[in-house]
Amino acid sequence: MQQEENNLGGAIETYTDALANSPKDSSLLVSRGIAYARSGDTKRAEADFSDARKNASDPVIFNNMCWSKATAGVSLESGLSDCNEALKGRPDEASFLDSRGLVLLRLGRNDEALADYDRALAKNSNIPSSLWGRSIAWARKGNLAKAKADEDAARKIAPNIKADFDQYGVAP
């Protein structure tokens, strides 16, 4: 645990140094916010996330903030707000729906996650993270046949997709 704390402290210091040169860089603010959140400093994390939102205008930036929080498993309600903001600008963007699906999955809102994954896959049937996320939602709901079909489809596209989701800490 001590090594992780040292790594987080070093990451926070690195992001703080970079922000000295680019104080409005949403990407840097979110990265530092995630490091703060992982270190247990939620007050500073939320301050960075709030500053990042103030400086963001492009739907892609909002989606990146959403995805970063979703994969890190931090500030998920804030991440959901970021997803929704991204989707205001691009309501049918498959990658944005995929990001929100992951946030919803992490929040345990499986039916909503399924709906977003279905919409994303209707736009692009070859998104492995949507297929894998949907497989997890189906498994959580007890439909193992649908879960297995989506899992197999995801592995055909991205054989290591399970490792990605394991790294995120997301499982059925």
Foldseek 3Di string as FASTA:
>chain_A
DVVLLVVLVVLLVVLVVVCVVVVQQLVSLLSNLLSCVVNVNNVSSVVSLVSSVVSDDALVSLLVSLQVCLLSVPPLVSSLVSLVNSCVVPVQALSSLLSNLSSCLSVVVLVSSLVSLVSSCVVPVQDLSSLQSNLQSCVVVPNNVSSVVSNVSSCVNPVCVVVSCVSSVGGD
